[in-house]
Amino acid sequence: MSARVIGLTGPIGAGKSTVAAMLRELGAKVLDADAIVRDEQSRGTVGYSAIVQTFGTKVLGEDKEIDRRKLADEVFADPAKLQQLERIMHPRVVARILEARKMLKDRDVLVVEAIKLLESGLRNVCDETWIVVAPREESLRRLEARGLSRPEAEMRLRSQRSEEEFRAAADVVIENDADRDRTKDQVRDAWARTTAPGSSPAP
C-alpha cells in the first residue's frame, strides 16, 4: 500500500480529536490543523501581522499574542469576517500539510484533523475524507464542557455546514455518540478497509 492522507472533519463538538486519537493508536500519523493555525498565528509570523491588520489590536491579549477567544468572538458572529480569517490562514495550513505529505513513506497513513477541511484547499490534498458526526445535543454538551455558553455553542454550530452537507462529502462516516466502544469499532473497521493489502485511495 502506498502512503495516503485521510482528511478528518465534521461539525464542531462531534469528537474529531477522539477519533484522531483512536487512529493514532492504530498506527496513523496525525496532524492537527488547528495546532498549525495556532503556530501560524503566533507573534512575529506573517499570519499574526495579517490578522492584526485585518481585525485590529482588539483581538490581542495582554501579552500581545492573539487571544483566540477574542478572535473567535469577532469572526463567528460575522460570516464575512470569518471568510477574511480563512483567506489568511487556509493557504498557510495547506502549505504545511503538503510539506508533511512529501515526508511520507510507503504504507504511512497521515490523518489531517481539520474543522475547515471542506472549505479550504485541504480536501484536495487528501485521498479520503472521513466525517465524524454526533447528535446535536451531544455536540452542544461537549462544547459547554469546554467552557462555551449554550448561545456561543449554538452560534458556532450555525456558522458551519449542516450535518447533511458533511455526510454528502464523506468517503467514511463515523457516528460518535456517547458510546466510545461503538465509535472505536467503526474506526477499526474503516481503518482495516483503508489499510488492506491492495486497497487504493477512494476516488
N, C-alpha and C. Protein backbone atom coordinates (compact mmCIF):
# COMPACT_ATOMS: atom_id res chain seq x y z
N MET A 1 0.85 -1.20 0.00
CA MET A 1 0.00 0.00 0.00
C MET A 1 0.88 1.24 0.00
N SER A 2 0.60 2.14 -0.91
CA SER A 2 1.35 3.40 -0.94
C SER A 2 0.85 4.32 0.18
N ALA A 3 1.62 5.33 0.48
CA ALA A 3 1.22 6.29 1.51
C ALA A 3 -0.08 6.98 1.10
N ARG A 4 -0.86 7.35 2.09
CA ARG A 4 -2.09 8.08 1.80
C ARG A 4 -2.43 9.03 2.93
N VAL A 5 -3.29 9.97 2.60
CA VAL A 5 -3.69 11.00 3.55
C VAL A 5 -5.20 10.94 3.74
N ILE A 6 -5.61 10.87 4.99
CA ILE A 6 -7.03 10.89 5.34
C ILE A 6 -7.36 12.26 5.92
N GLY A 7 -8.34 12.92 5.35
CA GLY A 7 -8.84 14.17 5.92
C GLY A 7 -9.95 13.86 6.89
N LEU A 8 -9.82 14.33 8.12
CA LEU A 8 -10.79 14.04 9.18
C LEU A 8 -11.47 15.33 9.60
N THR A 9 -12.78 15.39 9.43
CA THR A 9 -13.51 16.61 9.76
C THR A 9 -14.91 16.28 10.24
N GLY A 10 -15.70 17.31 10.44
CA GLY A 10 -17.05 17.15 10.93
C GLY A 10 -17.45 18.37 11.72
N PRO A 11 -18.71 18.46 12.13
CA PRO A 11 -19.16 19.63 12.89
C PRO A 11 -18.38 19.78 14.19
N ILE A 12 -18.27 21.00 14.67
CA ILE A 12 -17.63 21.25 15.95
C ILE A 12 -18.36 20.50 17.06
N GLY A 13 -17.60 19.89 17.94
CA GLY A 13 -18.21 19.13 19.03
C GLY A 13 -18.55 17.70 18.68
N ALA A 14 -18.26 17.29 17.44
CA ALA A 14 -18.60 15.92 17.03
C ALA A 14 -17.64 14.88 17.62
N GLY A 15 -16.43 15.32 17.98
CA GLY A 15 -15.47 14.38 18.56
C GLY A 15 -14.37 13.97 17.61
N LYS A 16 -13.92 14.90 16.77
CA LYS A 16 -12.85 14.58 15.81
C LYS A 16 -11.56 14.19 16.52
N SER A 17 -11.24 14.88 17.60
CA SER A 17 -9.99 14.59 18.31
C SER A 17 -10.03 13.20 18.93
N THR A 18 -11.19 12.77 19.37
CA THR A 18 -11.34 11.42 19.92
C THR A 18 -11.05 10.39 18.84
N VAL A 19 -11.61 10.59 17.66
CA VAL A 19 -11.38 9.66 16.55
C VAL A 19 -9.92 9.72 16.10
N ALA A 20 -9.35 10.91 16.06
CA ALA A 20 -7.93 11.05 15.67
C ALA A 20 -7.03 10.28 16.63
N ALA A 21 -7.35 10.32 17.93
CA ALA A 21 -6.56 9.58 18.92
C ALA A 21 -6.67 8.08 18.69
N MET A 22 -7.85 7.62 18.32
CA MET A 22 -8.04 6.19 18.02
C MET A 22 -7.22 5.78 16.80
N LEU A 23 -7.20 6.64 15.80
CA LEU A 23 -6.41 6.35 14.59
C LEU A 23 -4.92 6.36 14.89
N ARG A 24 -4.50 7.24 15.79
CA ARG A 24 -3.09 7.26 16.18
C ARG A 24 -2.71 5.93 16.85
N GLU A 25 -3.60 5.42 17.68
CA GLU A 25 -3.36 4.13 18.34
C GLU A 25 -3.24 3.00 17.32
N LEU A 26 -3.93 3.14 16.20
CA LEU A 26 -3.90 2.10 15.16
C LEU A 26 -2.68 2.23 14.25
N GLY A 27 -1.90 3.30 14.42
CA GLY A 27 -0.66 3.44 13.66
C GLY A 27 -0.59 4.64 12.73
N ALA A 28 -1.63 5.47 12.71
CA ALA A 28 -1.61 6.64 11.83
C ALA A 28 -0.74 7.74 12.42
N LYS A 29 -0.18 8.55 11.54
CA LYS A 29 0.42 9.82 11.94
C LYS A 29 -0.70 10.85 11.90
N VAL A 30 -0.77 11.70 12.90
CA VAL A 30 -1.87 12.65 12.99
C VAL A 30 -1.34 14.08 13.04
N LEU A 31 -1.89 14.93 12.19
CA LEU A 31 -1.60 16.36 12.21
C LEU A 31 -2.89 17.11 12.53
N ASP A 32 -2.83 17.98 13.51
CA ASP A 32 -3.98 18.79 13.89
C ASP A 32 -3.86 20.15 13.21
N ALA A 33 -4.75 20.41 12.26
CA ALA A 33 -4.68 21.68 11.53
C ALA A 33 -4.83 22.87 12.47
N ASP A 34 -5.59 22.69 13.56
CA ASP A 34 -5.77 23.80 14.50
C ASP A 34 -4.46 24.13 15.20
N ALA A 35 -3.63 23.12 15.46
CA ALA A 35 -2.33 23.38 16.06
C ALA A 35 -1.43 24.16 15.09
N ILE A 36 -1.56 23.83 13.79
CA ILE A 36 -0.80 24.58 12.78
C ILE A 36 -1.29 26.03 12.74
N VAL A 37 -2.61 26.22 12.83
CA VAL A 37 -3.17 27.57 12.85
C VAL A 37 -2.60 28.36 14.03
N ARG A 38 -2.57 27.74 15.20
CA ARG A 38 -2.03 28.44 16.38
C ARG A 38 -0.58 28.85 16.14
N ASP A 39 0.18 27.96 15.54
CA ASP A 39 1.57 28.25 15.25
C ASP A 39 1.69 29.40 14.25
N GLU A 40 0.84 29.36 13.22
CA GLU A 40 0.89 30.39 12.18
C GLU A 40 0.29 31.72 12.62
N GLN A 41 -0.35 31.73 13.80
CA GLN A 41 -0.90 32.98 14.35
C GLN A 41 -0.02 33.57 15.43
N SER A 42 1.09 32.90 15.75
CA SER A 42 1.91 33.37 16.86
C SER A 42 2.63 34.67 16.50
N ARG A 43 2.96 35.42 17.51
CA ARG A 43 3.57 36.73 17.32
C ARG A 43 4.86 36.62 16.50
N GLY A 44 5.00 37.52 15.53
CA GLY A 44 6.18 37.52 14.68
C GLY A 44 5.98 36.84 13.35
N THR A 45 4.84 36.14 13.15
CA THR A 45 4.59 35.46 11.89
C THR A 45 3.82 36.37 10.94
N VAL A 46 3.84 36.00 9.67
CA VAL A 46 3.07 36.75 8.66
C VAL A 46 1.58 36.66 8.98
N GLY A 47 1.13 35.49 9.44
CA GLY A 47 -0.27 35.31 9.80
C GLY A 47 -0.70 36.27 10.90
N TYR A 48 0.14 36.41 11.91
CA TYR A 48 -0.14 37.33 13.02
C TYR A 48 -0.32 38.75 12.49
N SER A 49 0.61 39.19 11.67
CA SER A 49 0.55 40.56 11.15
C SER A 49 -0.71 40.78 10.33
N ALA A 50 -1.06 39.78 9.50
CA ALA A 50 -2.25 39.92 8.67
C ALA A 50 -3.52 39.98 9.50
N ILE A 51 -3.59 39.19 10.57
CA ILE A 51 -4.77 39.20 11.43
C ILE A 51 -4.91 40.54 12.15
N VAL A 52 -3.81 41.07 12.69
CA VAL A 52 -3.87 42.35 13.40
C VAL A 52 -4.23 43.48 12.43
N GLN A 53 -3.68 43.42 11.21
CA GLN A 53 -4.02 44.44 10.21
C GLN A 53 -5.51 44.39 9.84
N THR A 54 -6.06 43.17 9.80
CA THR A 54 -7.45 42.99 9.37
C THR A 54 -8.45 43.29 10.48
N PHE A 55 -8.16 42.82 11.69
CA PHE A 55 -9.15 42.88 12.77
C PHE A 55 -8.78 43.86 13.89
N GLY A 56 -7.57 44.39 13.85
CA GLY A 56 -7.18 45.37 14.85
C GLY A 56 -6.59 44.74 16.12
N THR A 57 -6.08 45.59 16.98
CA THR A 57 -5.44 45.12 18.21
C THR A 57 -6.44 44.62 19.25
N LYS A 58 -7.74 44.79 19.01
CA LYS A 58 -8.75 44.32 19.97
C LYS A 58 -8.76 42.79 20.10
N VAL A 59 -8.13 42.08 19.14
CA VAL A 59 -8.09 40.62 19.23
C VAL A 59 -6.84 40.13 19.95
N LEU A 60 -6.04 41.06 20.51
CA LEU A 60 -4.82 40.68 21.22
C LEU A 60 -5.07 40.60 22.73
N GLY A 61 -4.31 39.73 23.37
CA GLY A 61 -4.35 39.65 24.82
C GLY A 61 -3.33 40.61 25.43
N GLU A 62 -3.22 40.56 26.75
CA GLU A 62 -2.28 41.45 27.44
C GLU A 62 -0.84 41.17 27.05
N ASP A 63 -0.56 39.93 26.64
CA ASP A 63 0.81 39.57 26.23
C ASP A 63 1.09 39.92 24.78
N LYS A 64 0.14 40.57 24.12
CA LYS A 64 0.22 40.98 22.71
C LYS A 64 0.16 39.80 21.73
N GLU A 65 -0.07 38.60 22.25
CA GLU A 65 -0.36 37.46 21.37
C GLU A 65 -1.83 37.52 21.00
N ILE A 66 -2.20 36.83 19.92
CA ILE A 66 -3.60 36.78 19.53
C ILE A 66 -4.38 35.98 20.56
N ASP A 67 -5.43 36.58 21.07
CA ASP A 67 -6.33 35.91 22.02
C ASP A 67 -7.38 35.17 21.19
N ARG A 68 -7.29 33.86 21.15
CA ARG A 68 -8.16 33.08 20.26
C ARG A 68 -9.63 33.23 20.63
N ARG A 69 -9.94 33.43 21.88
CA ARG A 69 -11.33 33.63 22.29
C ARG A 69 -11.85 34.96 21.74
N LYS A 70 -11.03 36.03 21.85
CA LYS A 70 -11.45 37.33 21.31
C LYS A 70 -11.60 37.26 19.80
N LEU A 71 -10.67 36.57 19.14
CA LEU A 71 -10.74 36.45 17.68
C LEU A 71 -11.99 35.67 17.27
N ALA A 72 -12.28 34.61 18.01
CA ALA A 72 -13.48 33.81 17.71
C ALA A 72 -14.74 34.64 17.88
N ASP A 73 -14.80 35.42 18.96
CA ASP A 73 -15.97 36.28 19.18
C ASP A 73 -16.14 37.27 18.04
N GLU A 74 -15.02 37.72 17.48
CA GLU A 74 -15.05 38.71 16.39
C GLU A 74 -15.56 38.09 15.10
N VAL A 75 -15.13 36.87 14.77
CA VAL A 75 -15.42 36.33 13.44
C VAL A 75 -16.65 35.43 13.37
N PHE A 76 -16.98 34.73 14.46
CA PHE A 76 -18.10 33.79 14.36
C PHE A 76 -19.45 34.49 14.32
N ALA A 77 -19.49 35.73 14.72
CA ALA A 77 -20.75 36.49 14.64
C ALA A 77 -20.95 37.15 13.29
N ASP A 78 -19.94 37.06 12.41
CA ASP A 78 -19.99 37.76 11.12
C ASP A 78 -19.37 36.88 10.04
N PRO A 79 -20.19 36.27 9.17
CA PRO A 79 -19.66 35.37 8.14
C PRO A 79 -18.59 36.01 7.26
N ALA A 80 -18.72 37.30 6.97
CA ALA A 80 -17.74 37.98 6.12
C ALA A 80 -16.37 38.04 6.82
N LYS A 81 -16.38 38.29 8.12
CA LYS A 81 -15.13 38.33 8.87
C LYS A 81 -14.52 36.93 8.98
N LEU A 82 -15.37 35.93 9.13
CA LEU A 82 -14.87 34.55 9.18
C LEU A 82 -14.18 34.19 7.86
N GLN A 83 -14.76 34.61 6.76
CA GLN A 83 -14.15 34.36 5.45
C GLN A 83 -12.81 35.09 5.32
N GLN A 84 -12.72 36.29 5.87
CA GLN A 84 -11.46 37.02 5.85
C GLN A 84 -10.37 36.25 6.59
N LEU A 85 -10.73 35.74 7.76
CA LEU A 85 -9.76 34.98 8.55
C LEU A 85 -9.34 33.71 7.81
N GLU A 86 -10.31 33.05 7.18
CA GLU A 86 -9.99 31.82 6.44
C GLU A 86 -9.07 32.10 5.27
N ARG A 87 -9.26 33.23 4.60
CA ARG A 87 -8.38 33.56 3.48
C ARG A 87 -6.95 33.80 3.95
N ILE A 88 -6.81 34.27 5.17
CA ILE A 88 -5.47 34.47 5.73
C ILE A 88 -4.82 33.13 6.09
N MET A 89 -5.59 32.28 6.74
CA MET A 89 -4.98 31.09 7.35
C MET A 89 -4.94 29.86 6.45
N HIS A 90 -5.95 29.64 5.62
CA HIS A 90 -6.02 28.39 4.85
C HIS A 90 -4.79 28.13 3.98
N PRO A 91 -4.29 29.11 3.22
CA PRO A 91 -3.12 28.82 2.38
C PRO A 91 -1.90 28.39 3.21
N ARG A 92 -1.75 28.95 4.40
CA ARG A 92 -0.61 28.61 5.25
C ARG A 92 -0.74 27.18 5.77
N VAL A 93 -1.94 26.79 6.14
CA VAL A 93 -2.16 25.43 6.63
C VAL A 93 -1.95 24.42 5.51
N VAL A 94 -2.49 24.70 4.33
CA VAL A 94 -2.33 23.80 3.19
C VAL A 94 -0.85 23.59 2.86
N ALA A 95 -0.08 24.67 2.88
CA ALA A 95 1.35 24.56 2.58
C ALA A 95 2.06 23.65 3.57
N ARG A 96 1.69 23.75 4.84
CA ARG A 96 2.33 22.92 5.87
C ARG A 96 1.95 21.44 5.68
N ILE A 97 0.70 21.18 5.32
CA ILE A 97 0.27 19.80 5.12
C ILE A 97 0.95 19.20 3.89
N LEU A 98 1.11 19.99 2.84
CA LEU A 98 1.80 19.50 1.64
C LEU A 98 3.24 19.11 1.96
N GLU A 99 3.89 19.89 2.82
CA GLU A 99 5.25 19.57 3.23
C GLU A 99 5.27 18.24 3.99
N ALA A 100 4.28 18.05 4.86
CA ALA A 100 4.21 16.80 5.64
C ALA A 100 3.96 15.61 4.71
N ARG A 101 3.14 15.81 3.69
CA ARG A 101 2.86 14.71 2.76
C ARG A 101 4.13 14.27 2.03
N LYS A 102 4.98 15.21 1.70
CA LYS A 102 6.22 14.86 0.99
C LYS A 102 7.12 13.95 1.82
N MET A 103 6.96 13.98 3.13
CA MET A 103 7.82 13.20 4.02
C MET A 103 7.32 11.78 4.25
N LEU A 104 6.13 11.46 3.75
CA LEU A 104 5.56 10.13 3.99
C LEU A 104 6.30 9.05 3.22
N LYS A 105 6.34 7.85 3.81
CA LYS A 105 6.92 6.68 3.17
C LYS A 105 5.80 5.71 2.81
N ASP A 106 6.12 4.71 1.98
CA ASP A 106 5.12 3.70 1.64
C ASP A 106 4.49 3.12 2.90
N ARG A 107 3.18 2.92 2.84
CA ARG A 107 2.37 2.34 3.91
C ARG A 107 2.09 3.33 5.04
N ASP A 108 2.67 4.51 5.02
CA ASP A 108 2.32 5.53 6.01
C ASP A 108 0.92 6.04 5.75
N VAL A 109 0.20 6.30 6.82
CA VAL A 109 -1.11 6.96 6.72
C VAL A 109 -1.06 8.22 7.57
N LEU A 110 -1.31 9.35 6.94
CA LEU A 110 -1.34 10.63 7.63
C LEU A 110 -2.80 11.07 7.76
N VAL A 111 -3.21 11.33 8.99
CA VAL A 111 -4.56 11.84 9.25
C VAL A 111 -4.46 13.33 9.52
N VAL A 112 -5.20 14.11 8.75
CA VAL A 112 -5.23 15.57 8.94
C VAL A 112 -6.57 15.92 9.58
N GLU A 113 -6.52 16.29 10.85
CA GLU A 113 -7.73 16.68 11.57
C GLU A 113 -7.96 18.16 11.35
N ALA A 114 -9.07 18.52 10.69
CA ALA A 114 -9.28 19.92 10.33
C ALA A 114 -10.76 20.27 10.30
N ILE A 115 -11.13 21.26 11.09
CA ILE A 115 -12.53 21.68 11.15
C ILE A 115 -12.98 22.28 9.81
N LYS A 116 -12.04 22.90 9.06
CA LYS A 116 -12.38 23.55 7.80
C LYS A 116 -11.83 22.78 6.60
N LEU A 117 -11.77 21.49 6.69
CA LEU A 117 -11.22 20.67 5.61
C LEU A 117 -11.95 20.91 4.29
N LEU A 118 -13.27 20.97 4.34
CA LEU A 118 -14.06 21.06 3.11
C LEU A 118 -14.03 22.46 2.51
N GLU A 119 -13.89 23.48 3.35
CA GLU A 119 -13.92 24.85 2.86
C GLU A 119 -12.57 25.31 2.31
N SER A 120 -11.51 24.67 2.76
CA SER A 120 -10.17 25.07 2.34
C SER A 120 -9.67 24.15 1.23
N GLY A 121 -8.45 24.39 0.78
CA GLY A 121 -7.87 23.51 -0.23
C GLY A 121 -7.37 22.20 0.35
N LEU A 122 -7.52 22.02 1.65
CA LEU A 122 -7.01 20.80 2.29
C LEU A 122 -7.64 19.53 1.74
N ARG A 123 -8.91 19.63 1.40
CA ARG A 123 -9.59 18.42 0.90
C ARG A 123 -8.88 17.86 -0.33
N ASN A 124 -8.32 18.74 -1.15
CA ASN A 124 -7.67 18.30 -2.37
C ASN A 124 -6.31 17.65 -2.11
N VAL A 125 -5.80 17.78 -0.89
CA VAL A 125 -4.53 17.17 -0.51
C VAL A 125 -4.75 15.74 -0.01
N CYS A 126 -6.02 15.40 0.26
CA CYS A 126 -6.35 14.12 0.91
C CYS A 126 -6.86 13.08 -0.10
N ASP A 127 -6.57 11.82 0.22
CA ASP A 127 -7.05 10.72 -0.61
C ASP A 127 -8.45 10.28 -0.22
N GLU A 128 -8.78 10.45 1.05
CA GLU A 128 -10.10 10.09 1.56
C GLU A 128 -10.57 11.18 2.52
N THR A 129 -11.88 11.31 2.63
CA THR A 129 -12.47 12.23 3.60
C THR A 129 -13.31 11.45 4.59
N TRP A 130 -12.92 11.52 5.86
CA TRP A 130 -13.68 10.88 6.92
C TRP A 130 -14.42 11.96 7.70
N ILE A 131 -15.70 11.73 7.92
CA ILE A 131 -16.54 12.69 8.63
C ILE A 131 -16.96 12.09 9.97
N VAL A 132 -16.80 12.85 11.02
CA VAL A 132 -17.28 12.46 12.35
C VAL A 132 -18.54 13.26 12.65
N VAL A 133 -19.60 12.58 13.04
CA VAL A 133 -20.85 13.26 13.38
C VAL A 133 -21.30 12.79 14.76
N ALA A 134 -22.14 13.60 15.39
CA ALA A 134 -22.69 13.27 16.70
C ALA A 134 -24.06 13.91 16.82
N PRO A 135 -24.93 13.38 17.68
CA PRO A 135 -26.22 14.04 17.90
C PRO A 135 -26.00 15.49 18.34
N ARG A 136 -26.85 16.37 17.87
CA ARG A 136 -26.69 17.80 18.14
C ARG A 136 -26.56 18.10 19.63
N GLU A 137 -27.42 17.50 20.44
CA GLU A 137 -27.38 17.77 21.88
C GLU A 137 -26.07 17.30 22.50
N GLU A 138 -25.54 16.19 22.00
CA GLU A 138 -24.26 15.69 22.49
C GLU A 138 -23.14 16.66 22.12
N SER A 139 -23.18 17.19 20.91
CA SER A 139 -22.18 18.17 20.49
C SER A 139 -22.25 19.43 21.35
N LEU A 140 -23.47 19.91 21.60
CA LEU A 140 -23.64 21.09 22.43
C LEU A 140 -23.12 20.84 23.85
N ARG A 141 -23.39 19.66 24.38
CA ARG A 141 -22.91 19.32 25.73
C ARG A 141 -21.38 19.35 25.78
N ARG A 142 -20.75 18.81 24.74
CA ARG A 142 -19.28 18.80 24.71
C ARG A 142 -18.72 20.21 24.62
N LEU A 143 -19.37 21.06 23.83
CA LEU A 143 -18.90 22.44 23.70
C LEU A 143 -19.07 23.21 25.01
N GLU A 144 -20.17 22.95 25.71
CA GLU A 144 -20.37 23.59 27.01
C GLU A 144 -19.32 23.12 28.01
N ALA A 145 -18.91 21.85 27.89
CA ALA A 145 -17.87 21.32 28.78
C ALA A 145 -16.53 21.99 28.53
N ARG A 146 -16.36 22.55 27.33
CA ARG A 146 -15.12 23.29 27.01
C ARG A 146 -15.17 24.74 27.49
N GLY A 147 -16.30 25.14 28.05
CA GLY A 147 -16.39 26.49 28.59
C GLY A 147 -17.24 27.45 27.78
N LEU A 148 -17.84 26.98 26.69
CA LEU A 148 -18.71 27.86 25.91
C LEU A 148 -20.11 27.88 26.53
N SER A 149 -20.77 29.03 26.44
CA SER A 149 -22.16 29.09 26.85
C SER A 149 -23.03 28.40 25.80
N ARG A 150 -24.25 28.08 26.14
CA ARG A 150 -25.15 27.45 25.15
C ARG A 150 -25.33 28.35 23.92
N PRO A 151 -25.58 29.67 24.07
CA PRO A 151 -25.70 30.52 22.87
C PRO A 151 -24.43 30.54 22.03
N GLU A 152 -23.25 30.57 22.68
CA GLU A 152 -21.99 30.55 21.93
C GLU A 152 -21.84 29.24 21.17
N ALA A 153 -22.18 28.14 21.83
CA ALA A 153 -22.06 26.82 21.19
C ALA A 153 -23.00 26.73 19.99
N GLU A 154 -24.22 27.21 20.15
CA GLU A 154 -25.18 27.16 19.05
C GLU A 154 -24.73 28.04 17.89
N MET A 155 -24.13 29.19 18.20
CA MET A 155 -23.64 30.09 17.15
C MET A 155 -22.52 29.41 16.36
N ARG A 156 -21.62 28.71 17.06
CA ARG A 156 -20.53 28.00 16.37
C ARG A 156 -21.09 26.94 15.42
N LEU A 157 -22.09 26.20 15.88
CA LEU A 157 -22.68 25.17 15.03
C LEU A 157 -23.38 25.79 13.81
N ARG A 158 -24.07 26.90 14.02
CA ARG A 158 -24.78 27.55 12.91
C ARG A 158 -23.83 28.09 11.86
N SER A 159 -22.61 28.42 12.26
CA SER A 159 -21.66 29.01 11.32
C SER A 159 -21.04 27.97 10.39
N GLN A 160 -21.36 26.68 10.62
CA GLN A 160 -20.77 25.61 9.83
C GLN A 160 -21.77 25.01 8.85
N ARG A 161 -21.26 24.10 8.04
CA ARG A 161 -22.14 23.33 7.16
C ARG A 161 -23.08 22.47 8.00
N SER A 162 -24.18 22.07 7.38
CA SER A 162 -25.10 21.17 8.07
C SER A 162 -24.52 19.76 8.10
N GLU A 163 -25.06 18.93 8.98
CA GLU A 163 -24.60 17.54 9.04
C GLU A 163 -24.83 16.85 7.69
N GLU A 164 -25.93 17.17 7.03
CA GLU A 164 -26.22 16.55 5.73
C GLU A 164 -25.14 16.90 4.71
N GLU A 165 -24.67 18.15 4.73
CA GLU A 165 -23.61 18.56 3.81
C GLU A 165 -22.30 17.84 4.12
N PHE A 166 -22.02 17.69 5.40
CA PHE A 166 -20.81 16.94 5.77
C PHE A 166 -20.92 15.49 5.27
N ARG A 167 -22.05 14.86 5.51
CA ARG A 167 -22.22 13.46 5.10
C ARG A 167 -22.08 13.30 3.58
N ALA A 168 -22.58 14.27 2.85
CA ALA A 168 -22.53 14.19 1.39
C ALA A 168 -21.09 14.21 0.88
N ALA A 169 -20.17 14.78 1.67
CA ALA A 169 -18.77 14.88 1.24
C ALA A 169 -17.93 13.70 1.71
N ALA A 170 -18.54 12.75 2.42
CA ALA A 170 -17.76 11.72 3.11
C ALA A 170 -17.48 10.49 2.27
N ASP A 171 -16.26 9.97 2.42
CA ASP A 171 -15.96 8.60 1.99
C ASP A 171 -16.26 7.62 3.13
N VAL A 172 -16.08 8.10 4.36
CA VAL A 172 -16.35 7.31 5.57
C VAL A 172 -17.07 8.21 6.57
N VAL A 173 -18.12 7.69 7.20
CA VAL A 173 -18.82 8.42 8.25
C VAL A 173 -18.65 7.65 9.57
N ILE A 174 -18.19 8.34 10.61
CA ILE A 174 -18.07 7.76 11.94
C ILE A 174 -19.13 8.40 12.83
N GLU A 175 -20.02 7.58 13.36
CA GLU A 175 -21.08 8.06 14.25
C GLU A 175 -20.52 8.04 15.68
N ASN A 176 -20.30 9.22 16.24
CA ASN A 176 -19.65 9.31 17.55
C ASN A 176 -20.62 9.83 18.59
N ASP A 177 -21.46 8.91 19.10
CA ASP A 177 -22.37 9.32 20.17
C ASP A 177 -21.66 9.12 21.50
N ALA A 178 -22.36 8.83 22.56
CA ALA A 178 -21.73 8.70 23.88
C ALA A 178 -21.13 7.31 24.10
N ASP A 179 -21.27 6.40 23.14
CA ASP A 179 -20.76 5.04 23.29
C ASP A 179 -19.38 4.93 22.66
N ARG A 180 -18.34 5.04 23.48
CA ARG A 180 -16.97 5.05 22.98
C ARG A 180 -16.59 3.74 22.29
N ASP A 181 -17.06 2.62 22.84
CA ASP A 181 -16.72 1.33 22.24
C ASP A 181 -17.30 1.20 20.84
N ARG A 182 -18.52 1.69 20.66
CA ARG A 182 -19.15 1.62 19.34
C ARG A 182 -18.40 2.49 18.34
N THR A 183 -17.96 3.66 18.80
CA THR A 183 -17.15 4.53 17.94
C THR A 183 -15.85 3.84 17.56
N LYS A 184 -15.19 3.23 18.53
CA LYS A 184 -13.91 2.56 18.28
C LYS A 184 -14.07 1.43 17.27
N ASP A 185 -15.18 0.69 17.36
CA ASP A 185 -15.42 -0.40 16.40
C ASP A 185 -15.55 0.14 14.98
N GLN A 186 -16.24 1.26 14.82
CA GLN A 186 -16.38 1.86 13.49
C GLN A 186 -15.03 2.30 12.94
N VAL A 187 -14.21 2.90 13.82
CA VAL A 187 -12.90 3.39 13.39
C VAL A 187 -12.02 2.21 12.98
N ARG A 188 -12.03 1.14 13.76
CA ARG A 188 -11.22 -0.04 13.42
C ARG A 188 -11.64 -0.64 12.08
N ASP A 189 -12.95 -0.73 11.86
CA ASP A 189 -13.45 -1.31 10.60
C ASP A 189 -13.01 -0.45 9.41
N ALA A 190 -13.16 0.85 9.54
CA ALA A 190 -12.79 1.74 8.44
C ALA A 190 -11.27 1.72 8.21
N TRP A 191 -10.51 1.65 9.27
CA TRP A 191 -9.04 1.58 9.16
C TRP A 191 -8.62 0.29 8.46
N ALA A 192 -9.27 -0.81 8.81
CA ALA A 192 -8.94 -2.10 8.19
C ALA A 192 -9.19 -2.06 6.69
N ARG A 193 -10.28 -1.41 6.27
CA ARG A 193 -10.57 -1.30 4.83
C ARG A 193 -9.53 -0.41 4.15
N THR A 194 -9.17 0.67 4.80
CA THR A 194 -8.24 1.63 4.20
C THR A 194 -6.84 1.04 4.05
N THR A 195 -6.41 0.24 5.00
CA THR A 195 -5.03 -0.27 5.01
C THR A 195 -4.92 -1.70 4.50
N ALA A 196 -6.01 -2.26 4.01
CA ALA A 196 -5.96 -3.64 3.50
C ALA A 196 -5.02 -3.75 2.30
N PRO A 197 -4.28 -4.86 2.20
CA PRO A 197 -3.40 -5.04 1.02
C PRO A 197 -4.18 -4.89 -0.28
N GLY A 198 -3.63 -4.13 -1.17
CA GLY A 198 -4.28 -3.94 -2.47
C GLY A 198 -5.33 -2.86 -2.48
N SER A 199 -5.58 -2.25 -1.32
CA SER A 199 -6.58 -1.18 -1.29
C SER A 199 -6.00 0.04 -1.99
N SER A 200 -6.87 0.86 -2.51
CA SER A 200 -6.43 2.08 -3.21
C SER A 200 -7.20 3.24 -2.65
N PRO A 201 -6.65 4.46 -2.75
CA PRO A 201 -7.36 5.62 -2.24
C PRO A 201 -8.73 5.76 -2.85
N ALA A 202 -9.66 6.27 -2.07
CA ALA A 202 -11.02 6.50 -2.56
C ALA A 202 -10.97 7.50 -3.70
N PRO A 203 -11.83 7.33 -4.71
CA PRO A 203 -11.83 8.30 -5.82
C PRO A 203 -12.30 9.66 -5.36
